[in-house]
Amino acid sequence: MKLGAFSVSLSVKDIKASHAFYEKLGFTVTGGDVGQNWLILRNGDTTIGLFQGMFEKNILTFNPGWSQQAQPLDEFTDVRELQRGLRERGVELMQEADETGTGPASITMLDPDGNPILIDQHVGG
């Protein structure tokens, strides 16, 4: 089961302070809008998202259809197919994608310790 590009979505208290901190670690902004309280930063193949006031906990994020360099892939497993496979394996989903749809969609679940996992497809399928 290929889940897509991995990143960590961090719930931050002060997006400007967090941005300044991660910039010192060599991360650069590749997306987002600080005015909307979210930024996507990269350092090599590592991607993190900074989100202020959008969710309570940090989230493990996977993006089907994206390479680890945040580029669209020609071939990938659609999030709806991943959803069916996870259900077959007995994984309880907190949010499901409309299986009759196509394109961007997302699903969420919790691991046994309550850590949120988001599979968020931004591209067509």
PDB file of N, CA and C in Angstrom:
ATOM      1  N   MET A   1       0.850  -1.166   0.000  1.00  0.00           N
ATOM      2  CA  MET A   1       0.000   0.000   0.000  1.00  0.00           C
ATOM      3  C   MET A   1       0.901   1.236   0.000  1.00  0.00           C
ATOM      4  N   LYS A   2       0.857   2.006  -1.076  1.00  0.00           N
ATOM      5  CA  LYS A   2       1.673   3.225  -1.184  1.00  0.00           C
ATOM      6  C   LYS A   2       0.800   4.424  -0.832  1.00  0.00           C
ATOM      7  N   LEU A   3       1.150   5.096   0.264  1.00  0.00           N
ATOM      8  CA  LEU A   3       0.332   6.180   0.795  1.00  0.00           C
ATOM      9  C   LEU A   3       0.662   7.541   0.193  1.00  0.00           C
ATOM     10  N   GLY A   4       1.803   7.683  -0.441  1.00  0.00           N
ATOM     11  CA  GLY A   4       2.187   8.960  -1.023  1.00  0.00           C
ATOM     12  C   GLY A   4       3.260   9.657  -0.208  1.00  0.00           C
ATOM     13  N   ALA A   5       3.553  10.884  -0.593  1.00  0.00           N
ATOM     14  CA  ALA A   5       4.596  11.680   0.066  1.00  0.00           C
ATOM     15  C   ALA A   5       4.244  11.889   1.532  1.00  0.00           C
ATOM     16  N   PHE A   6       5.246  11.808   2.388  1.00  0.00           N
ATOM     17  CA  PHE A   6       5.048  11.950   3.832  1.00  0.00           C
ATOM     18  C   PHE A   6       5.489  13.322   4.307  1.00  0.00           C
ATOM     19  N   SER A   7       4.711  13.883   5.217  1.00  0.00           N
ATOM     20  CA  SER A   7       5.102  15.112   5.906  1.00  0.00           C
ATOM     21  C   SER A   7       4.456  15.113   7.284  1.00  0.00           C
ATOM     22  N   VAL A   8       4.882  16.047   8.101  1.00  0.00           N
ATOM     23  CA  VAL A   8       4.270  16.234   9.405  1.00  0.00           C
ATOM     24  C   VAL A   8       3.597  17.603   9.392  1.00  0.00           C
ATOM     25  N   SER A   9       2.328  17.631   9.770  1.00  0.00           N
ATOM     26  CA  SER A   9       1.592  18.872   9.884  1.00  0.00           C
ATOM     27  C   SER A   9       1.611  19.274  11.357  1.00  0.00           C
ATOM     28  N   LEU A  10       2.282  20.389  11.650  1.00  0.00           N
ATOM     29  CA  LEU A  10       2.458  20.815  13.030  1.00  0.00           C
ATOM     30  C   LEU A  10       1.419  21.859  13.423  1.00  0.00           C
ATOM     31  N   SER A  11       0.768  21.623  14.545  1.00  0.00           N
ATOM     32  CA  SER A  11      -0.143  22.599  15.126  1.00  0.00           C
ATOM     33  C   SER A  11       0.708  23.570  15.938  1.00  0.00           C
ATOM     34  N   VAL A  12       0.801  24.823  15.479  1.00  0.00           N
ATOM     35  CA  VAL A  12       1.687  25.791  16.120  1.00  0.00           C
ATOM     36  C   VAL A  12       0.890  26.902  16.800  1.00  0.00           C
ATOM     37  N   LYS A  13       1.490  27.494  17.820  1.00  0.00           N
ATOM     38  CA  LYS A  13       0.845  28.581  18.568  1.00  0.00           C
ATOM     39  C   LYS A  13       1.044  29.928  17.893  1.00  0.00           C
ATOM     40  N   ASP A  14       2.215  30.129  17.279  1.00  0.00           N
ATOM     41  CA  ASP A  14       2.554  31.405  16.653  1.00  0.00           C
ATOM     42  C   ASP A  14       3.257  31.107  15.328  1.00  0.00           C
ATOM     43  N   ILE A  15       2.540  31.244  14.222  1.00  0.00           N
ATOM     44  CA  ILE A  15       3.085  30.833  12.923  1.00  0.00           C
ATOM     45  C   ILE A  15       4.338  31.616  12.557  1.00  0.00           C
ATOM     46  N   LYS A  16       4.398  32.891  12.899  1.00  0.00           N
ATOM     47  CA  LYS A  16       5.573  33.693  12.555  1.00  0.00           C
ATOM     48  C   LYS A  16       6.799  33.236  13.343  1.00  0.00           C
ATOM     49  N   ALA A  17       6.622  32.931  14.623  1.00  0.00           N
ATOM     50  CA  ALA A  17       7.736  32.437  15.438  1.00  0.00           C
ATOM     51  C   ALA A  17       8.189  31.064  14.949  1.00  0.00           C
ATOM     52  N   SER A  18       7.229  30.195  14.616  1.00  0.00           N
ATOM     53  CA  SER A  18       7.577  28.857  14.121  1.00  0.00           C
ATOM     54  C   SER A  18       8.289  28.954  12.781  1.00  0.00           C
ATOM     55  N   HIS A  19       7.799  29.819  11.907  1.00  0.00           N
ATOM     56  CA  HIS A  19       8.442  30.007  10.597  1.00  0.00           C
ATOM     57  C   HIS A  19       9.891  30.449  10.789  1.00  0.00           C
ATOM     58  N   ALA A  20      10.104  31.432  11.658  1.00  0.00           N
ATOM     59  CA  ALA A  20      11.462  31.929  11.909  1.00  0.00           C
ATOM     60  C   ALA A  20      12.362  30.824  12.460  1.00  0.00           C
ATOM     61  N   PHE A  21      11.829  30.005  13.368  1.00  0.00           N
ATOM     62  CA  PHE A  21      12.609  28.911  13.943  1.00  0.00           C
ATOM     63  C   PHE A  21      13.016  27.902  12.870  1.00  0.00           C
ATOM     64  N   TYR A  22      12.056  27.417  12.082  1.00  0.00           N
ATOM     65  CA  TYR A  22      12.367  26.394  11.087  1.00  0.00           C
ATOM     66  C   TYR A  22      13.233  26.947   9.954  1.00  0.00           C
ATOM     67  N   GLU A  23      13.132  28.241   9.696  1.00  0.00           N
ATOM     68  CA  GLU A  23      14.015  28.865   8.723  1.00  0.00           C
ATOM     69  C   GLU A  23      15.471  28.762   9.191  1.00  0.00           C
ATOM     70  N   LYS A  24      15.701  28.909  10.500  1.00  0.00           N
ATOM     71  CA  LYS A  24      17.051  28.769  11.056  1.00  0.00           C
ATOM     72  C   LYS A  24      17.582  27.350  10.894  1.00  0.00           C
ATOM     73  N   LEU A  25      16.676  26.373  10.777  1.00  0.00           N
ATOM     74  CA  LEU A  25      17.082  24.980  10.559  1.00  0.00           C
ATOM     75  C   LEU A  25      17.279  24.663   9.079  1.00  0.00           C
ATOM     76  N   GLY A  26      17.091  25.670   8.220  1.00  0.00           N
ATOM     77  CA  GLY A  26      17.316  25.473   6.792  1.00  0.00           C
ATOM     78  C   GLY A  26      16.072  25.200   5.976  1.00  0.00           C
ATOM     79  N   PHE A  27      14.893  25.311   6.565  1.00  0.00           N
ATOM     80  CA  PHE A  27      13.654  25.113   5.822  1.00  0.00           C
ATOM     81  C   PHE A  27      13.295  26.393   5.067  1.00  0.00           C
ATOM     82  N   THR A  28      12.730  26.229   3.864  1.00  0.00           N
ATOM     83  CA  THR A  28      12.250  27.367   3.084  1.00  0.00           C
ATOM     84  C   THR A  28      10.780  27.153   2.742  1.00  0.00           C
ATOM     85  N   VAL A  29      10.062  28.241   2.614  1.00  0.00           N
ATOM     86  CA  VAL A  29       8.632  28.190   2.309  1.00  0.00           C
ATOM     87  C   VAL A  29       8.445  27.765   0.857  1.00  0.00           C
ATOM     88  N   THR A  30       7.578  26.774   0.641  1.00  0.00           N
ATOM     89  CA  THR A  30       7.247  26.332  -0.711  1.00  0.00           C
ATOM     90  C   THR A  30       5.758  26.443  -1.000  1.00  0.00           C
ATOM     91  N   GLY A  31       4.974  26.822  -0.012  1.00  0.00           N
ATOM     92  CA  GLY A  31       3.538  26.964  -0.224  1.00  0.00           C
ATOM     93  C   GLY A  31       2.870  27.536   1.001  1.00  0.00           C
ATOM     94  N   GLY A  32       1.591  27.805   0.850  1.00  0.00           N
ATOM     95  CA  GLY A  32       0.817  28.308   1.969  1.00  0.00           C
ATOM     96  C   GLY A  32       0.664  29.809   1.951  1.00  0.00           C
ATOM     97  N   ASP A  33       0.114  30.339   3.046  1.00  0.00           N
ATOM     98  CA  ASP A  33      -0.154  31.765   3.169  1.00  0.00           C
ATOM     99  C   ASP A  33      -0.112  32.121   4.648  1.00  0.00           C
ATOM    100  N   VAL A  34       0.924  32.835   5.075  1.00  0.00           N
ATOM    101  CA  VAL A  34       1.058  33.188   6.480  1.00  0.00           C
ATOM    102  C   VAL A  34      -0.152  34.001   6.948  1.00  0.00           C
ATOM    103  N   GLY A  35      -0.778  34.777   6.051  1.00  0.00           N
ATOM    104  CA  GLY A  35      -1.970  35.544   6.390  1.00  0.00           C
ATOM    105  C   GLY A  35      -3.170  34.669   6.705  1.00  0.00           C
ATOM    106  N   GLN A  36      -3.156  33.446   6.180  1.00  0.00           N
ATOM    107  CA  GLN A  36      -4.216  32.464   6.467  1.00  0.00           C
ATOM    108  C   GLN A  36      -3.769  31.482   7.546  1.00  0.00           C
ATOM    109  N   ASN A  37      -2.596  31.724   8.139  1.00  0.00           N
ATOM    110  CA  ASN A  37      -2.050  30.928   9.242  1.00  0.00           C
ATOM    111  C   ASN A  37      -1.629  29.519   8.850  1.00  0.00           C
ATOM    112  N   TRP A  38      -1.105  29.352   7.630  1.00  0.00           N
ATOM    113  CA  TRP A  38      -0.532  28.065   7.270  1.00  0.00           C
ATOM    114  C   TRP A  38       0.596  28.253   6.257  1.00  0.00           C
ATOM    115  N   LEU A  39       1.645  27.440   6.422  1.00  0.00           N
ATOM    116  CA  LEU A  39       2.795  27.442   5.534  1.00  0.00           C
ATOM    117  C   LEU A  39       3.275  26.012   5.322  1.00  0.00           C
ATOM    118  N   ILE A  40       3.801  25.754   4.139  1.00  0.00           N
ATOM    119  CA  ILE A  40       4.466  24.487   3.840  1.00  0.00           C
ATOM    120  C   ILE A  40       5.943  24.816   3.654  1.00  0.00           C
ATOM    121  N   LEU A  41       6.810  24.086   4.380  1.00  0.00           N
ATOM    122  CA  LEU A  41       8.252  24.326   4.324  1.00  0.00           C
ATOM    123  C   LEU A  41       8.971  23.045   3.932  1.00  0.00           C
ATOM    124  N   ARG A  42      10.099  23.224   3.229  1.00  0.00           N
ATOM    125  CA  ARG A  42      10.896  22.071   2.814  1.00  0.00           C
ATOM    126  C   ARG A  42      12.362  22.302   3.134  1.00  0.00           C
ATOM    127  N   ASN A  43      13.025  21.193   3.418  1.00  0.00           N
ATOM    128  CA  ASN A  43      14.472  21.161   3.597  1.00  0.00           C
ATOM    129  C   ASN A  43      14.905  19.848   2.961  1.00  0.00           C
ATOM    130  N   GLY A  44      15.482  19.919   1.775  1.00  0.00           N
ATOM    131  CA  GLY A  44      15.803  18.687   1.045  1.00  0.00           C
ATOM    132  C   GLY A  44      14.521  17.935   0.730  1.00  0.00           C
ATOM    133  N   ASP A  45      14.466  16.656   1.087  1.00  0.00           N
ATOM    134  CA  ASP A  45      13.277  15.833   0.850  1.00  0.00           C
ATOM    135  C   ASP A  45      12.294  15.871   2.017  1.00  0.00           C
ATOM    136  N   THR A  46      12.569  16.692   3.024  1.00  0.00           N
ATOM    137  CA  THR A  46      11.724  16.755   4.209  1.00  0.00           C
ATOM    138  C   THR A  46      10.722  17.899   4.079  1.00  0.00           C
ATOM    139  N   THR A  47       9.454  17.578   4.324  1.00  0.00           N
ATOM    140  CA  THR A  47       8.395  18.573   4.247  1.00  0.00           C
ATOM    141  C   THR A  47       7.668  18.635   5.576  1.00  0.00           C
ATOM    142  N   ILE A  48       7.428  19.863   6.053  1.00  0.00           N
ATOM    143  CA  ILE A  48       6.584  20.072   7.218  1.00  0.00           C
ATOM    144  C   ILE A  48       5.570  21.155   6.880  1.00  0.00           C
ATOM    145  N   GLY A  49       4.423  21.064   7.522  1.00  0.00           N
ATOM    146  CA  GLY A  49       3.426  22.111   7.414  1.00  0.00           C
ATOM    147  C   GLY A  49       3.265  22.770   8.765  1.00  0.00           C
ATOM    148  N   LEU A  50       3.130  24.083   8.774  1.00  0.00           N
ATOM    149  CA  LEU A  50       2.866  24.828   9.996  1.00  0.00           C
ATOM    150  C   LEU A  50       1.428  25.350   9.908  1.00  0.00           C
ATOM    151  N   PHE A  51       0.627  25.038  10.907  1.00  0.00           N
ATOM    152  CA  PHE A  51      -0.790  25.408  10.896  1.00  0.00           C
ATOM    153  C   PHE A  51      -1.156  26.003  12.252  1.00  0.00           C
ATOM    154  N   GLN A  52      -1.566  27.257  12.261  1.00  0.00           N
ATOM    155  CA  GLN A  52      -1.947  27.928  13.493  1.00  0.00           C
ATOM    156  C   GLN A  52      -3.471  27.980  13.596  1.00  0.00           C
ATOM    157  N   GLY A  53      -4.002  27.395  14.684  1.00  0.00           N
ATOM    158  CA  GLY A  53      -5.431  27.473  14.954  1.00  0.00           C
ATOM    159  C   GLY A  53      -6.312  26.601  14.081  1.00  0.00           C
ATOM    160  N   MET A  54      -5.757  25.624  13.390  1.00  0.00           N
ATOM    161  CA  MET A  54      -6.549  24.798  12.479  1.00  0.00           C
ATOM    162  C   MET A  54      -6.881  23.423  13.035  1.00  0.00           C
ATOM    163  N   PHE A  55      -6.035  22.904  13.912  1.00  0.00           N
ATOM    164  CA  PHE A  55      -6.299  21.614  14.546  1.00  0.00           C
ATOM    165  C   PHE A  55      -5.538  21.544  15.851  1.00  0.00           C
ATOM    166  N   GLU A  56      -5.923  20.597  16.707  1.00  0.00           N
ATOM    167  CA  GLU A  56      -5.371  20.526  18.062  1.00  0.00           C
ATOM    168  C   GLU A  56      -4.020  19.823  18.146  1.00  0.00           C
ATOM    169  N   LYS A  57      -3.852  18.732  17.410  1.00  0.00           N
ATOM    170  CA  LYS A  57      -2.646  17.909  17.517  1.00  0.00           C
ATOM    171  C   LYS A  57      -1.845  17.951  16.231  1.00  0.00           C
ATOM    172  N   ASN A  58      -0.578  17.591  16.333  1.00  0.00           N
ATOM    173  CA  ASN A  58       0.230  17.373  15.141  1.00  0.00           C
ATOM    174  C   ASN A  58      -0.350  16.192  14.383  1.00  0.00           C
ATOM    175  N   ILE A  59      -0.201  16.198  13.058  1.00  0.00           N
ATOM    176  CA  ILE A  59      -0.803  15.164  12.220  1.00  0.00           C
ATOM    177  C   ILE A  59       0.264  14.565  11.301  1.00  0.00           C
ATOM    178  N   LEU A  60       0.296  13.237  11.226  1.00  0.00           N
ATOM    179  CA  LEU A  60       1.105  12.556  10.219  1.00  0.00           C
ATOM    180  C   LEU A  60       0.323  12.654   8.918  1.00  0.00           C
ATOM    181  N   THR A  61       0.946  13.168   7.863  1.00  0.00           N
ATOM    182  CA  THR A  61       0.229  13.434   6.612  1.00  0.00           C
ATOM    183  C   THR A  61       0.872  12.680   5.459  1.00  0.00           C
ATOM    184  N   PHE A  62       0.020  12.078   4.634  1.00  0.00           N
ATOM    185  CA  PHE A  62       0.460  11.411   3.406  1.00  0.00           C
ATOM    186  C   PHE A  62      -0.319  12.023   2.249  1.00  0.00           C
ATOM    187  N   ASN A  63       0.366  12.247   1.122  1.00  0.00           N
ATOM    188  CA  ASN A  63      -0.262  12.846  -0.052  1.00  0.00           C
ATOM    189  C   ASN A  63      -0.126  11.934  -1.260  1.00  0.00           C
ATOM    190  N   PRO A  64      -1.155  11.104  -1.543  1.00  0.00           N
ATOM    191  CA  PRO A  64      -1.130  10.305  -2.763  1.00  0.00           C
ATOM    192  C   PRO A  64      -1.051  11.219  -3.986  1.00  0.00           C
ATOM    193  N   GLY A  65      -0.274  10.806  -4.969  1.00  0.00           N
ATOM    194  CA  GLY A  65      -0.171  11.573  -6.201  1.00  0.00           C
ATOM    195  C   GLY A  65       0.941  12.593  -6.197  1.00  0.00           C
ATOM    196  N   TRP A  66       1.660  12.700  -5.082  1.00  0.00           N
ATOM    197  CA  TRP A  66       2.794  13.622  -5.000  1.00  0.00           C
ATOM    198  C   TRP A  66       4.059  12.849  -4.720  1.00  0.00           C
ATOM    199  N   SER A  67       5.152  13.286  -5.330  1.00  0.00           N
ATOM    200  CA  SER A  67       6.455  12.732  -4.992  1.00  0.00           C
ATOM    201  C   SER A  67       6.925  13.395  -3.695  1.00  0.00           C
ATOM    202  N   GLN A  68       7.992  12.894  -3.121  1.00  0.00           N
ATOM    203  CA  GLN A  68       8.535  13.489  -1.905  1.00  0.00           C
ATOM    204  C   GLN A  68       9.069  14.895  -2.176  1.00  0.00           C
ATOM    205  N   GLN A  69       9.234  15.247  -3.454  1.00  0.00           N
ATOM    206  CA  GLN A  69       9.658  16.593  -3.830  1.00  0.00           C
ATOM    207  C   GLN A  69       8.454  17.489  -4.144  1.00  0.00           C
ATOM    208  N   ALA A  70       7.247  17.039  -3.761  1.00  0.00           N
ATOM    209  CA  ALA A  70       5.994  17.788  -3.948  1.00  0.00           C
ATOM    210  C   ALA A  70       5.672  18.043  -5.415  1.00  0.00           C
ATOM    211  N   GLN A  71       5.975  17.058  -6.251  1.00  0.00           N
ATOM    212  CA  GLN A  71       5.654  17.131  -7.673  1.00  0.00           C
ATOM    213  C   GLN A  71       4.589  16.088  -7.997  1.00  0.00           C
ATOM    214  N   PRO A  72       3.639  16.411  -8.876  1.00  0.00           N
ATOM    215  CA  PRO A  72       2.608  15.436  -9.235  1.00  0.00           C
ATOM    216  C   PRO A  72       3.208  14.199  -9.896  1.00  0.00           C
ATOM    217  N   LEU A  73       2.638  13.036  -9.559  1.00  0.00           N
ATOM    218  CA  LEU A  73       3.073  11.767 -10.149  1.00  0.00           C
ATOM    219  C   LEU A  73       2.102  11.356 -11.246  1.00  0.00           C
ATOM    220  N   ASP A  74       2.612  10.685 -12.278  1.00  0.00           N
ATOM    221  CA  ASP A  74       1.747  10.175 -13.339  1.00  0.00           C
ATOM    222  C   ASP A  74       0.914   8.991 -12.855  1.00  0.00           C
ATOM    223  N   GLU A  75       1.507   8.164 -12.002  1.00  0.00           N
ATOM    224  CA  GLU A  75       0.812   6.982 -11.494  1.00  0.00           C
ATOM    225  C   GLU A  75       0.870   6.968  -9.979  1.00  0.00           C
ATOM    226  N   PHE A  76      -0.270   6.665  -9.345  1.00  0.00           N
ATOM    227  CA  PHE A  76      -0.343   6.580  -7.893  1.00  0.00           C
ATOM    228  C   PHE A  76      -1.639   5.870  -7.510  1.00  0.00           C
ATOM    229  N   THR A  77      -1.717   5.463  -6.256  1.00  0.00           N
ATOM    230  CA  THR A  77      -2.925   4.822  -5.736  1.00  0.00           C
ATOM    231  C   THR A  77      -3.873   5.905  -5.238  1.00  0.00           C
ATOM    232  N   ASP A  78      -5.069   5.952  -5.837  1.00  0.00           N
ATOM    233  CA  ASP A  78      -6.076   6.949  -5.470  1.00  0.00           C
ATOM    234  C   ASP A  78      -6.511   6.757  -4.019  1.00  0.00           C
ATOM    235  N   VAL A  79      -6.821   7.847  -3.349  1.00  0.00           N
ATOM    236  CA  VAL A  79      -7.209   7.813  -1.938  1.00  0.00           C
ATOM    237  C   VAL A  79      -8.436   6.922  -1.700  1.00  0.00           C
ATOM    238  N   ARG A  80      -9.342   6.831  -2.673  1.00  0.00           N
ATOM    239  CA  ARG A  80     -10.526   5.976  -2.510  1.00  0.00           C
ATOM    240  C   ARG A  80     -10.144   4.494  -2.515  1.00  0.00           C
ATOM    241  N   GLU A  81      -9.126   4.138  -3.315  1.00  0.00           N
ATOM    242  CA  GLU A  81      -8.628   2.770  -3.318  1.00  0.00           C
ATOM    243  C   GLU A  81      -7.919   2.474  -1.992  1.00  0.00           C
ATOM    244  N   LEU A  82      -7.154   3.433  -1.505  1.00  0.00           N
ATOM    245  CA  LEU A  82      -6.509   3.274  -0.198  1.00  0.00           C
ATOM    246  C   LEU A  82      -7.573   3.094   0.894  1.00  0.00           C
ATOM    247  N   GLN A  83      -8.634   3.862   0.820  1.00  0.00           N
ATOM    248  CA  GLN A  83      -9.722   3.769   1.793  1.00  0.00           C
ATOM    249  C   GLN A  83     -10.328   2.365   1.814  1.00  0.00           C
ATOM    250  N   ARG A  84     -10.611   1.825   0.633  1.00  0.00           N
ATOM    251  CA  ARG A  84     -11.175   0.462   0.559  1.00  0.00           C
ATOM    252  C   ARG A  84     -10.209  -0.553   1.177  1.00  0.00           C
ATOM    253  N   GLY A  85      -8.925  -0.429   0.855  1.00  0.00           N
ATOM    254  CA  GLY A  85      -7.930  -1.350   1.397  1.00  0.00           C
ATOM    255  C   GLY A  85      -7.810  -1.246   2.909  1.00  0.00           C
ATOM    256  N   LEU A  86      -7.852  -0.034   3.422  1.00  0.00           N
ATOM    257  CA  LEU A  86      -7.770   0.146   4.876  1.00  0.00           C
ATOM    258  C   LEU A  86      -8.992  -0.443   5.570  1.00  0.00           C
ATOM    259  N   ARG A  87     -10.165  -0.214   5.019  1.00  0.00           N
ATOM    260  CA  ARG A  87     -11.389  -0.794   5.604  1.00  0.00           C
ATOM    261  C   ARG A  87     -11.314  -2.322   5.607  1.00  0.00           C
ATOM    262  N   GLU A  88     -10.829  -2.891   4.500  1.00  0.00           N
ATOM    263  CA  GLU A  88     -10.689  -4.354   4.414  1.00  0.00           C
ATOM    264  C   GLU A  88      -9.746  -4.877   5.484  1.00  0.00           C
ATOM    265  N   ARG A  89      -8.783  -4.086   5.879  1.00  0.00           N
ATOM    266  CA  ARG A  89      -7.817  -4.478   6.904  1.00  0.00           C
ATOM    267  C   ARG A  89      -8.303  -4.144   8.312  1.00  0.00           C
ATOM    268  N   GLY A  90      -9.518  -3.642   8.422  1.00  0.00           N
ATOM    269  CA  GLY A  90     -10.103  -3.380   9.727  1.00  0.00           C
ATOM    270  C   GLY A  90      -9.735  -2.048  10.350  1.00  0.00           C
ATOM    271  N   VAL A  91      -9.218  -1.113   9.552  1.00  0.00           N
ATOM    272  CA  VAL A  91      -8.866   0.205  10.073  1.00  0.00           C
ATOM    273  C   VAL A  91     -10.129   1.061  10.138  1.00  0.00           C
ATOM    274  N   GLU A  92     -10.379   1.631  11.305  1.00  0.00           N
ATOM    275  CA  GLU A  92     -11.530   2.517  11.487  1.00  0.00           C
ATOM    276  C   GLU A  92     -11.164   3.911  11.019  1.00  0.00           C
ATOM    277  N   LEU A  93     -11.968   4.461  10.127  1.00  0.00           N
ATOM    278  CA  LEU A  93     -11.712   5.795   9.593  1.00  0.00           C
ATOM    279  C   LEU A  93     -12.611   6.807  10.294  1.00  0.00           C
ATOM    280  N   MET A  94     -12.037   7.957  10.630  1.00  0.00           N
ATOM    281  CA  MET A  94     -12.798   9.035  11.254  1.00  0.00           C
ATOM    282  C   MET A  94     -13.501   9.890  10.202  1.00  0.00           C
ATOM    283  N   GLN A  95     -12.872  10.026   9.052  1.00  0.00           N
ATOM    284  CA  GLN A  95     -13.430  10.772   7.924  1.00  0.00           C
ATOM    285  C   GLN A  95     -13.163   9.961   6.676  1.00  0.00           C
ATOM    286  N   GLU A  96     -14.177   9.833   5.838  1.00  0.00           N
ATOM    287  CA  GLU A  96     -14.033   9.043   4.624  1.00  0.00           C
ATOM    288  C   GLU A  96     -14.222   9.903   3.389  1.00  0.00           C
ATOM    289  N   ALA A  97     -13.642   9.450   2.291  1.00  0.00           N
ATOM    290  CA  ALA A  97     -13.815  10.097   0.991  1.00  0.00           C
ATOM    291  C   ALA A  97     -15.051   9.518   0.317  1.00  0.00           C
ATOM    292  N   ASP A  98     -15.709  10.317  -0.500  1.00  0.00           N
ATOM    293  CA  ASP A  98     -16.843   9.854  -1.302  1.00  0.00           C
ATOM    294  C   ASP A  98     -16.297   8.918  -2.375  1.00  0.00           C
ATOM    295  N   GLU A  99     -16.654   7.657  -2.284  1.00  0.00           N
ATOM    296  CA  GLU A  99     -16.094   6.671  -3.212  1.00  0.00           C
ATOM    297  C   GLU A  99     -16.625   6.808  -4.623  1.00  0.00           C
ATOM    298  N   THR A 100     -17.668   7.584  -4.827  1.00  0.00           N
ATOM    299  CA  THR A 100     -18.185   7.788  -6.183  1.00  0.00           C
ATOM    300  C   THR A 100     -17.497   8.964  -6.868  1.00  0.00           C
ATOM    301  N   GLY A 101     -16.688   9.718  -6.112  1.00  0.00           N
ATOM    302  CA  GLY A 101     -16.021  10.890  -6.656  1.00  0.00           C
ATOM    303  C   GLY A 101     -14.691  10.555  -7.299  1.00  0.00           C
ATOM    304  N   THR A 102     -14.071  11.586  -7.839  1.00  0.00           N
ATOM    305  CA  THR A 102     -12.734  11.486  -8.410  1.00  0.00           C
ATOM    306  C   THR A 102     -11.957  12.732  -7.997  1.00  0.00           C
ATOM    307  N   GLY A 103     -10.649  12.691  -8.186  1.00  0.00           N
ATOM    308  CA  GLY A 103      -9.836  13.852  -7.891  1.00  0.00           C
ATOM    309  C   GLY A 103      -9.537  14.015  -6.418  1.00  0.00           C
ATOM    310  N   PRO A 104      -9.298  15.259  -6.006  1.00  0.00           N
ATOM    311  CA  PRO A 104      -8.906  15.520  -4.621  1.00  0.00           C
ATOM    312  C   PRO A 104      -9.927  14.998  -3.603  1.00  0.00           C
ATOM    313  N   ALA A 105      -9.404  14.405  -2.537  1.00  0.00           N
ATOM    314  CA  ALA A 105     -10.233  13.885  -1.437  1.00  0.00           C
ATOM    315  C   ALA A 105      -9.295  13.514  -0.299  1.00  0.00           C
ATOM    316  N   SER A 106      -9.866  13.292   0.881  1.00  0.00           N
ATOM    317  CA  SER A 106      -9.027  12.918   2.008  1.00  0.00           C
ATOM    318  C   SER A 106      -9.755  11.965   2.941  1.00  0.00           C
ATOM    319  N   ILE A 107      -8.963  11.249   3.728  1.00  0.00           N
ATOM    320  CA  ILE A 107      -9.477  10.373   4.779  1.00  0.00           C
ATOM    321  C   ILE A 107      -8.627  10.598   6.024  1.00  0.00           C
ATOM    322  N   THR A 108      -9.213  10.361   7.179  1.00  0.00           N
ATOM    323  CA  THR A 108      -8.457  10.495   8.426  1.00  0.00           C
ATOM    324  C   THR A 108      -8.728   9.300   9.321  1.00  0.00           C
ATOM    325  N   MET A 109      -7.755   9.029  10.180  1.00  0.00           N
ATOM    326  CA  MET A 109      -7.845   7.943  11.150  1.00  0.00           C
ATOM    327  C   MET A 109      -6.953   8.283  12.328  1.00  0.00           C
ATOM    328  N   LEU A 110      -7.041   7.488  13.383  1.00  0.00           N
ATOM    329  CA  LEU A 110      -6.167   7.616  14.542  1.00  0.00           C
ATOM    330  C   LEU A 110      -5.376   6.336  14.704  1.00  0.00           C
ATOM    331  N   ASP A 111      -4.103   6.452  15.071  1.00  0.00           N
ATOM    332  CA  ASP A 111      -3.346   5.256  15.396  1.00  0.00           C
ATOM    333  C   ASP A 111      -3.722   4.824  16.817  1.00  0.00           C
ATOM    334  N   PRO A 112      -3.236   3.681  17.304  1.00  0.00           N
ATOM    335  CA  PRO A 112      -3.642   3.184  18.626  1.00  0.00           C
ATOM    336  C   PRO A 112      -3.346   4.143  19.785  1.00  0.00           C
ATOM    337  N   ASP A 113      -2.422   5.093  19.579  1.00  0.00           N
ATOM    338  CA  ASP A 113      -2.101   6.061  20.626  1.00  0.00           C
ATOM    339  C   ASP A 113      -2.845   7.381  20.463  1.00  0.00           C
ATOM    340  N   GLY A 114      -3.759   7.436  19.511  1.00  0.00           N
ATOM    341  CA  GLY A 114      -4.547   8.649  19.305  1.00  0.00           C
ATOM    342  C   GLY A 114      -3.888   9.686  18.422  1.00  0.00           C
ATOM    343  N   ASN A 115      -2.805   9.317  17.733  1.00  0.00           N
ATOM    344  CA  ASN A 115      -2.154  10.243  16.807  1.00  0.00           C
ATOM    345  C   ASN A 115      -2.942  10.310  15.505  1.00  0.00           C
ATOM    346  N   PRO A 116      -3.338  11.499  15.077  1.00  0.00           N
ATOM    347  CA  PRO A 116      -4.096  11.618  13.833  1.00  0.00           C
ATOM    348  C   PRO A 116      -3.223  11.339  12.615  1.00  0.00           C
ATOM    349  N   ILE A 117      -3.828  10.659  11.643  1.00  0.00           N
ATOM    350  CA  ILE A 117      -3.178  10.396  10.349  1.00  0.00           C
ATOM    351  C   ILE A 117      -4.137  10.881   9.277  1.00  0.00           C
ATOM    352  N   LEU A 118      -3.617  11.711   8.380  1.00  0.00           N
ATOM    353  CA  LEU A 118      -4.390  12.280   7.285  1.00  0.00           C
ATOM    354  C   LEU A 118      -3.800  11.761   5.978  1.00  0.00           C
ATOM    355  N   ILE A 119      -4.649  11.230   5.125  1.00  0.00           N
ATOM    356  CA  ILE A 119      -4.255  10.901   3.752  1.00  0.00           C
ATOM    357  C   ILE A 119      -5.012  11.885   2.883  1.00  0.00           C
ATOM    358  N   ASP A 120      -4.280  12.831   2.325  1.00  0.00           N
ATOM    359  CA  ASP A 120      -4.855  14.001   1.667  1.00  0.00           C
ATOM    360  C   ASP A 120      -4.371  14.076   0.226  1.00  0.00           C
ATOM    361  N   GLN A 121      -5.249  13.719  -0.693  1.00  0.00           N
ATOM    362  CA  GLN A 121      -4.902  13.711  -2.113  1.00  0.00           C
ATOM    363  C   GLN A 121      -5.301  15.045  -2.726  1.00  0.00           C
ATOM    364  N   HIS A 122      -4.321  15.752  -3.286  1.00  0.00           N
ATOM    365  CA  HIS A 122      -4.556  17.066  -3.891  1.00  0.00           C
ATOM    366  C   HIS A 122      -4.723  17.008  -5.401  1.00  0.00           C
ATOM    367  N   VAL A 123      -4.384  15.888  -6.015  1.00  0.00           N
ATOM    368  CA  VAL A 123      -4.370  15.790  -7.473  1.00  0.00           C
ATOM    369  C   VAL A 123      -5.474  14.851  -7.947  1.00  0.00           C
ATOM    370  N   GLY A 124      -5.751  14.880  -9.242  1.00  0.00           N
ATOM    371  CA  GLY A 124      -6.766  13.996  -9.826  1.00  0.00           C
ATOM    372  C   GLY A 124      -6.352  12.552  -9.790  1.00  0.00           C
ATOM    373  N   GLY A 125      -7.314  11.682  -9.888  1.00  0.00           N
ATOM    374  CA  GLY A 125      -7.016  10.263  -9.801  1.00  0.00           C
ATOM    375  C   GLY A 125      -7.486   9.472 -10.971  1.00  0.00           C
TER     376      GLY A 125
END
